[in-house]
Amino acid sequence: MDMNTLQKKLYDLNNEELFYQKYYYAKQQEYSYQKFLATLDMDYVLKNNIIIPEYPETVPPVYEDYWIFDAGQPISALKHNCYTPAIEHSHTFFELTYVYDGTCEQEINEQSVHMRTGDFLVMPPGVKHSISVFDQSIIIQIPVKKATLENIFFNFLHSDNILSMFFINSIYAQHVNDYIIFHSGDDFHIRTAVSYILLENINREKYWQNIMVNTAMNIFVLLLRNYEKSVELPSIVKKTDIQRFGLIRFIQENYTDISLDKIAEKFHYTPEYTSKLIKETTGMNFKQILQKIRIDRAEYLLTESNLTVLNISLQVGYENVEHFIRTFKKVHGMTPSAYRKKHIKTP
């Protein structure tokens, strides 16, 4: 598929959208609604992961990574189906929502958010929300694995900007913003970049995943360069938040060889005050946040590299591989080798 074909095809309703459109209009009258439910083909519904609120077995409480991503896939892209029921849910991944054309409504933790053409919303994992698209507006969603942000976008996350602070805090902080919105309007470059990500996810030609990741990075940079001043957050970012963000970022940058004393020295705090800040920010003490960062990195290396368990142990800061295996098993209930086997599909 080429770009021109994609841009035309976006306005055509697919089979699922035609199904949801029929369901949406049937609900307008009780008779047609009951008739629709009575003649529903449940085999089709279950086979195609159609969501029907009247049937709880079709509604997942949480959208897990495996619903969206193929094995080893760091980022995905899809058009949000028009006319789908607005069902509250959450994800295990970050979700980027771009209004390609038209409008939509999001309910995010009981807060109404109206989005229009050019709006680009970023939402972290675990946020309860629903989305309403009851016309033929074009909404593009780009799910991104948490591990992708932590590892592939490493350099970007360690620069000083509001988006990297949002991402880092979403991953490690105890109290985070539910979303962040950039208003890009009719920006041709943003619109084209989002289209390319979707096109690569459809065609899946050589290096398609690399192109998707790099294009997403370009979108982030363009949003920051051109629209950071008009960014919309549900709460004000305070100076103390920025300081705490820097503290978390320093731990993440130096997690292989770091101590509470080194952090205190870096930020000119006492070790006691540093410990208090870490606890207030993340809900974890220093040892717990350090362990989380190391295990998160180990998860990524187990599924995205061919390194041995010993080498991964050393790379994430555990000199004793037995200690690493015990710690990993305590967190996941399985050894690193078992985790790798479970999360990597063999051809």
Protein backbone atom coordinates (compact mmCIF):
# COMPACT_ATOMS: atom_id res chain seq x y z
CA MET A 1 0.00 0.00 0.00
CA ASP A 2 1.25 3.51 -0.80
CA MET A 3 0.54 6.75 1.03
CA ASN A 4 -2.20 7.96 -1.34
CA THR A 5 -4.08 4.67 -1.04
CA LEU A 6 -3.77 4.75 2.75
CA GLN A 7 -5.10 8.29 3.02
CA LYS A 8 -8.15 7.35 0.93
CA LYS A 9 -8.70 4.03 2.70
CA LEU A 10 -8.78 5.71 6.12
CA TYR A 11 -12.19 7.14 5.21
CA ASP A 12 -13.66 3.75 4.29
CA LEU A 13 -15.45 1.84 7.06
CA ASN A 14 -13.93 -1.60 7.63
CA ASN A 15 -16.00 -4.69 8.48
CA GLU A 16 -15.71 -4.09 12.23
CA GLU A 17 -16.78 -0.47 11.86
CA LEU A 18 -19.78 -1.51 9.76
CA PHE A 19 -20.72 -3.96 12.52
CA TYR A 20 -20.34 -1.28 15.23
CA GLN A 21 -22.28 1.22 13.12
CA LYS A 22 -25.17 -1.24 12.85
CA TYR A 23 -24.98 -1.82 16.62
CA TYR A 24 -24.87 1.94 17.32
CA TYR A 25 -27.97 2.70 15.25
CA ALA A 26 -29.83 -0.35 16.58
CA LYS A 27 -29.44 1.06 20.09
CA GLN A 28 -31.40 4.17 19.14
CA GLN A 29 -34.68 2.23 19.45
CA GLU A 30 -35.55 -0.53 21.93
CA TYR A 31 -37.13 -2.83 19.32
CA SER A 32 -34.19 -2.71 16.92
CA TYR A 33 -31.78 -3.01 19.85
CA GLN A 34 -33.39 -6.20 21.16
CA LYS A 35 -33.57 -7.64 17.66
CA PHE A 36 -29.88 -6.92 17.12
CA LEU A 37 -28.89 -8.69 20.34
CA ALA A 38 -31.18 -11.64 19.60
CA THR A 39 -29.61 -12.24 16.19
CA LEU A 40 -26.00 -11.58 17.28
CA ASP A 41 -23.42 -14.02 15.89
CA MET A 42 -21.32 -14.68 18.99
CA ASP A 43 -18.83 -16.81 17.07
CA TYR A 44 -18.05 -13.79 14.87
CA VAL A 45 -17.90 -11.50 17.91
CA LEU A 46 -15.45 -13.67 19.84
CA LYS A 47 -13.31 -14.54 16.81
CA ASN A 48 -12.80 -10.88 15.90
CA ASN A 49 -12.45 -9.51 19.46
CA ILE A 50 -15.59 -7.43 19.04
CA ILE A 51 -16.56 -5.61 22.24
CA ILE A 52 -20.23 -5.79 23.22
CA PRO A 53 -20.93 -4.30 26.68
CA GLU A 54 -23.96 -6.57 27.17
CA TYR A 55 -21.61 -9.56 27.10
CA PRO A 56 -18.92 -9.16 29.79
CA GLU A 57 -16.82 -11.97 28.31
CA THR A 58 -16.06 -9.69 25.34
CA VAL A 59 -14.81 -6.81 27.50
CA PRO A 60 -11.25 -7.12 28.86
CA PRO A 61 -10.69 -5.23 32.14
CA VAL A 62 -7.16 -4.33 31.01
CA TYR A 63 -5.72 -4.28 27.51
CA GLU A 64 -2.51 -6.31 27.82
CA ASP A 65 0.54 -5.98 25.57
CA TYR A 66 -0.21 -9.27 23.81
CA TRP A 67 -3.53 -7.87 22.54
CA ILE A 68 -1.67 -5.29 20.46
CA PHE A 69 1.95 -6.27 19.86
CA ASP A 70 3.50 -9.19 18.03
CA ALA A 71 6.49 -10.82 19.72
CA GLY A 72 9.37 -8.35 19.84
CA GLN A 73 7.31 -5.50 18.35
CA PRO A 74 8.13 -2.23 20.21
CA ILE A 75 5.41 0.00 18.77
CA SER A 76 2.16 -0.43 16.86
CA ALA A 77 -0.38 1.73 15.03
CA LEU A 78 -4.04 1.42 14.12
CA LYS A 79 -7.11 3.42 13.22
CA HIS A 80 -9.58 3.56 16.11
CA ASN A 81 -12.80 1.91 14.94
CA CYS A 82 -15.65 4.38 14.52
CA TYR A 83 -18.89 3.73 16.40
CA THR A 84 -17.27 1.44 19.00
CA PRO A 85 -18.95 1.51 22.44
CA ALA A 86 -17.31 3.91 24.88
CA ILE A 87 -16.13 1.39 27.48
CA GLU A 88 -13.87 2.36 30.38
CA HIS A 89 -10.60 0.46 30.28
CA SER A 90 -6.86 0.78 30.86
CA HIS A 91 -3.68 -0.47 29.18
CA THR A 92 -0.35 -1.97 30.17
CA PHE A 93 1.29 0.23 27.51
CA PHE A 94 1.53 3.92 26.65
CA GLU A 95 -1.09 5.09 24.15
CA LEU A 96 -0.62 7.98 21.73
CA THR A 97 -3.88 9.25 20.24
CA TYR A 98 -3.85 11.56 17.21
CA VAL A 99 -6.93 13.17 15.69
CA TYR A 100 -6.18 12.87 11.99
CA ASP A 101 -9.48 14.42 10.96
CA GLY A 102 -12.58 15.35 12.97
CA THR A 103 -13.20 15.17 16.71
CA CYS A 104 -13.54 12.71 19.58
CA GLU A 105 -14.36 12.72 23.27
CA GLN A 106 -12.30 11.03 25.94
CA GLU A 107 -13.37 10.40 29.53
CA ILE A 108 -10.13 10.17 31.50
CA ASN A 109 -10.59 9.34 35.17
CA GLU A 110 -14.03 10.99 35.08
CA GLN A 111 -12.67 14.11 33.33
CA SER A 112 -14.06 15.00 29.88
CA VAL A 113 -11.46 15.83 27.25
CA HIS A 114 -12.57 17.12 23.85
CA MET A 115 -10.08 16.52 21.04
CA ARG A 116 -10.08 18.03 17.56
CA THR A 117 -8.03 17.74 14.37
CA GLY A 118 -4.29 17.87 15.09
CA ASP A 119 -4.52 17.11 18.80
CA PHE A 120 -1.91 14.61 19.98
CA LEU A 121 -2.60 13.02 23.37
CA VAL A 122 -0.16 10.83 25.33
CA MET A 123 -1.52 8.59 28.07
CA PRO A 124 0.53 6.38 30.41
CA PRO A 125 -0.30 2.79 31.40
CA GLY A 126 -2.96 2.14 34.01
CA VAL A 127 -5.14 5.22 33.40
CA LYS A 128 -8.88 4.51 33.31
CA HIS A 129 -10.49 6.05 30.24
CA SER A 130 -12.96 5.64 27.39
CA ILE A 131 -13.10 7.14 23.90
CA SER A 132 -16.17 8.12 21.89
CA VAL A 133 -16.14 8.34 18.08
CA PHE A 134 -19.76 8.21 16.92
CA ASP A 135 -19.22 9.63 13.45
CA GLN A 136 -16.61 9.01 10.76
CA SER A 137 -13.81 11.06 12.34
CA ILE A 138 -10.38 9.55 11.80
CA ILE A 139 -8.52 8.79 15.04
CA ILE A 140 -5.09 7.15 14.90
CA GLN A 141 -3.75 5.33 17.96
CA ILE A 142 -0.08 4.45 18.45
CA PRO A 143 0.48 2.03 21.34
CA VAL A 144 4.05 2.03 22.67
CA LYS A 145 5.45 -0.58 25.05
CA LYS A 146 6.69 0.75 28.37
CA ALA A 147 9.97 -1.06 27.75
CA THR A 148 10.32 0.77 24.42
CA LEU A 149 10.23 4.13 26.16
CA GLU A 150 12.65 2.98 28.85
CA ASN A 151 15.19 1.46 26.50
CA ILE A 152 14.87 2.50 22.84
CA PHE A 153 14.05 6.15 23.61
CA PHE A 154 16.80 6.25 26.26
CA ASN A 155 18.62 9.38 25.05
CA PHE A 156 15.40 11.28 24.46
CA LEU A 157 14.13 10.53 27.95
CA HIS A 158 17.28 11.93 29.46
CA SER A 159 16.97 15.40 28.01
CA ASP A 160 15.28 18.23 29.91
CA ASN A 161 11.81 18.75 28.49
CA ILE A 162 8.22 18.42 29.66
CA LEU A 163 7.53 15.27 27.63
CA SER A 164 10.51 13.31 28.93
CA MET A 165 9.57 14.37 32.47
CA PHE A 166 6.03 13.12 31.81
CA PHE A 167 7.31 9.76 30.56
CA ILE A 168 9.82 9.19 33.36
CA ASN A 169 7.33 10.15 36.05
CA SER A 170 4.69 7.92 34.43
CA ILE A 171 7.05 4.95 34.69
CA TYR A 172 8.47 5.50 38.17
CA ALA A 173 6.59 8.17 40.12
CA GLN A 174 3.78 7.44 42.54
CA HIS A 175 1.52 10.34 41.50
CA VAL A 176 1.50 11.12 37.78
CA ASN A 177 -0.49 13.12 35.27
CA ASP A 178 -3.22 11.17 33.49
CA TYR A 179 -2.34 12.62 30.09
CA ILE A 180 -0.58 15.34 28.16
CA ILE A 181 -1.94 16.99 24.98
CA PHE A 182 -0.16 18.90 22.22
CA HIS A 183 -2.33 20.99 19.87
CA SER A 184 -0.64 20.70 16.46
CA GLY A 185 -3.59 21.86 14.35
CA ASP A 186 -3.06 21.31 10.63
CA ASP A 187 0.70 20.67 10.96
CA PHE A 188 1.61 18.85 7.73
CA HIS A 189 4.76 17.23 9.14
CA ILE A 190 3.02 15.74 12.19
CA ARG A 191 0.14 14.47 10.06
CA THR A 192 2.51 12.91 7.52
CA ALA A 193 4.70 11.32 10.20
CA VAL A 194 1.70 9.68 11.88
CA SER A 195 0.56 8.41 8.46
CA TYR A 196 4.01 6.88 7.83
CA ILE A 197 3.91 5.02 11.14
CA LEU A 198 0.53 3.57 10.24
CA LEU A 199 1.70 2.72 6.72
CA GLU A 200 4.80 0.91 7.98
CA ASN A 201 2.70 -1.11 10.42
CA ILE A 202 0.49 -2.21 7.52
CA ASN A 203 3.18 -3.00 4.93
CA ARG A 204 5.81 -4.42 7.32
CA GLU A 205 8.63 -4.31 4.84
CA LYS A 206 12.34 -4.52 5.73
CA TYR A 207 13.29 -2.36 8.75
CA TRP A 208 9.64 -1.39 9.35
CA GLN A 209 9.97 -1.47 13.12
CA ASN A 210 13.06 0.75 13.05
CA ILE A 211 11.24 3.25 10.85
CA MET A 212 8.21 3.31 13.18
CA VAL A 213 10.35 3.95 16.26
CA ASN A 214 12.46 6.65 14.59
CA THR A 215 9.40 8.36 13.15
CA ALA A 216 7.76 8.39 16.60
CA MET A 217 10.93 10.00 17.95
CA ASN A 218 10.72 12.67 15.24
CA ILE A 219 7.09 13.36 16.20
CA PHE A 220 8.08 13.88 19.84
CA VAL A 221 10.82 16.32 18.84
CA LEU A 222 8.51 18.26 16.50
CA LEU A 223 5.83 18.50 19.19
CA LEU A 224 8.34 19.84 21.69
CA ARG A 225 9.95 22.28 19.28
CA ASN A 226 6.71 23.77 17.98
CA TYR A 227 3.98 23.17 20.57
CA GLU A 228 5.55 22.84 24.03
CA LYS A 229 4.35 26.31 25.07
CA SER A 230 0.71 25.41 24.44
CA VAL A 231 0.86 21.94 25.97
CA GLU A 232 -2.15 20.90 28.04
CA LEU A 233 -1.69 19.01 31.31
CA PRO A 234 -4.41 18.14 33.83
CA SER A 235 -2.28 19.63 36.61
CA ILE A 236 0.45 22.28 36.86
CA VAL A 237 4.05 21.10 36.89
CA LYS A 238 5.77 22.68 39.86
CA LYS A 239 9.46 23.43 40.34
CA THR A 240 9.67 20.71 42.99
CA ASP A 241 8.28 18.21 40.44
CA ILE A 242 11.13 19.09 38.06
CA GLN A 243 13.68 18.59 40.83
CA ARG A 244 12.23 15.19 41.71
CA PHE A 245 12.15 14.24 38.05
CA GLY A 246 15.87 14.97 37.88
CA LEU A 247 16.45 12.74 40.88
CA ILE A 248 14.60 9.78 39.31
CA ARG A 249 16.37 10.35 36.03
CA PHE A 250 19.78 10.31 37.74
CA ILE A 251 18.99 6.94 39.33
CA GLN A 252 17.89 5.56 35.95
CA GLU A 253 21.04 6.82 34.23
CA ASN A 254 23.37 5.30 36.85
CA TYR A 255 21.44 2.26 38.09
CA THR A 256 24.31 -0.20 37.53
CA ASP A 257 26.57 1.49 40.07
CA ILE A 258 24.83 3.93 42.38
CA SER A 259 24.26 4.51 46.08
CA LEU A 260 22.10 6.79 48.20
CA ASP A 261 25.24 8.74 49.18
CA LYS A 262 26.11 9.37 45.51
CA ILE A 263 22.61 10.70 44.81
CA ALA A 264 22.72 12.95 47.89
CA GLU A 265 26.10 14.31 46.82
CA LYS A 266 24.88 14.97 43.27
CA PHE A 267 21.84 16.99 44.41
CA HIS A 268 23.48 18.53 47.51
CA TYR A 269 21.00 16.88 49.90
CA THR A 270 21.57 14.82 52.97
CA PRO A 271 21.12 11.05 52.51
CA GLU A 272 18.13 11.20 54.86
CA TYR A 273 16.39 13.93 52.83
CA THR A 274 17.23 12.15 49.57
CA SER A 275 15.65 8.97 50.90
CA LYS A 276 12.53 10.92 51.91
CA LEU A 277 12.22 12.51 48.44
CA ILE A 278 12.53 9.13 46.71
CA LYS A 279 9.83 7.66 48.93
CA GLU A 280 7.48 10.64 48.43
CA THR A 281 7.97 10.62 44.67
CA THR A 282 7.86 6.92 43.84
CA GLY A 283 6.17 5.28 46.83
CA MET A 284 9.27 3.09 47.07
CA ASN A 285 12.46 3.32 49.08
CA PHE A 286 15.83 3.60 47.34
CA LYS A 287 16.48 -0.15 47.23
CA GLN A 288 13.01 -0.83 45.83
CA ILE A 289 13.19 1.75 43.02
CA LEU A 290 16.71 0.60 42.13
CA GLN A 291 15.52 -3.00 41.97
CA LYS A 292 12.55 -2.01 39.79
CA ILE A 293 14.76 -0.17 37.30
CA ARG A 294 17.20 -3.07 37.12
CA ILE A 295 14.49 -5.71 36.71
CA ASP A 296 12.66 -3.61 34.11
CA ARG A 297 15.89 -3.40 32.12
CA ALA A 298 16.46 -7.14 32.53
CA GLU A 299 12.95 -7.87 31.19
CA TYR A 300 13.78 -5.91 28.06
CA LEU A 301 17.12 -7.64 27.52
CA LEU A 302 15.59 -11.09 28.05
CA THR A 303 13.00 -10.55 25.32
CA GLU A 304 14.88 -8.26 22.93
CA SER A 305 18.44 -9.63 23.00
CA ASN A 306 20.35 -12.92 22.85
CA LEU A 307 22.52 -12.12 25.87
CA THR A 308 22.95 -14.91 28.39
CA VAL A 309 21.37 -14.62 31.83
CA LEU A 310 24.86 -14.15 33.27
CA ASN A 311 25.63 -11.24 30.93
CA ILE A 312 22.24 -9.65 31.58
CA SER A 313 22.85 -9.95 35.31
CA LEU A 314 26.15 -8.10 34.98
CA GLN A 315 24.74 -5.50 32.59
CA VAL A 316 21.90 -4.49 34.94
CA GLY A 317 24.15 -4.21 37.99
CA TYR A 318 24.06 -7.65 39.67
CA GLU A 319 27.57 -9.05 40.01
CA ASN A 320 26.20 -12.25 41.55
CA VAL A 321 24.04 -14.09 39.01
CA GLU A 322 22.41 -16.25 41.70
CA HIS A 323 21.29 -13.08 43.50
CA PHE A 324 19.88 -11.75 40.22
CA ILE A 325 17.95 -14.97 39.55
CA ARG A 326 16.51 -15.03 43.09
CA THR A 327 15.46 -11.37 42.86
CA PHE A 328 13.91 -11.82 39.42
CA LYS A 329 12.00 -14.90 40.55
CA LYS A 330 10.71 -13.05 43.59
CA VAL A 331 9.31 -10.32 41.32
CA HIS A 332 7.90 -12.50 38.53
CA GLY A 333 7.38 -15.88 40.13
CA MET A 334 9.69 -17.49 37.56
CA THR A 335 13.35 -17.55 36.63
CA PRO A 336 14.78 -15.24 33.95
CA SER A 337 15.10 -18.23 31.57
CA ALA A 338 11.46 -19.17 32.09
CA TYR A 339 10.41 -15.53 31.55
CA ARG A 340 12.35 -15.43 28.28
CA LYS A 341 10.77 -18.67 27.08
CA LYS A 342 7.27 -17.45 27.95
CA HIS A 343 7.58 -14.07 26.24
CA ILE A 344 9.35 -15.05 23.04
CA LYS A 345 7.32 -16.88 20.40
CA THR A 346 9.27 -19.42 18.37
CA PRO A 347 8.55 -19.53 14.63
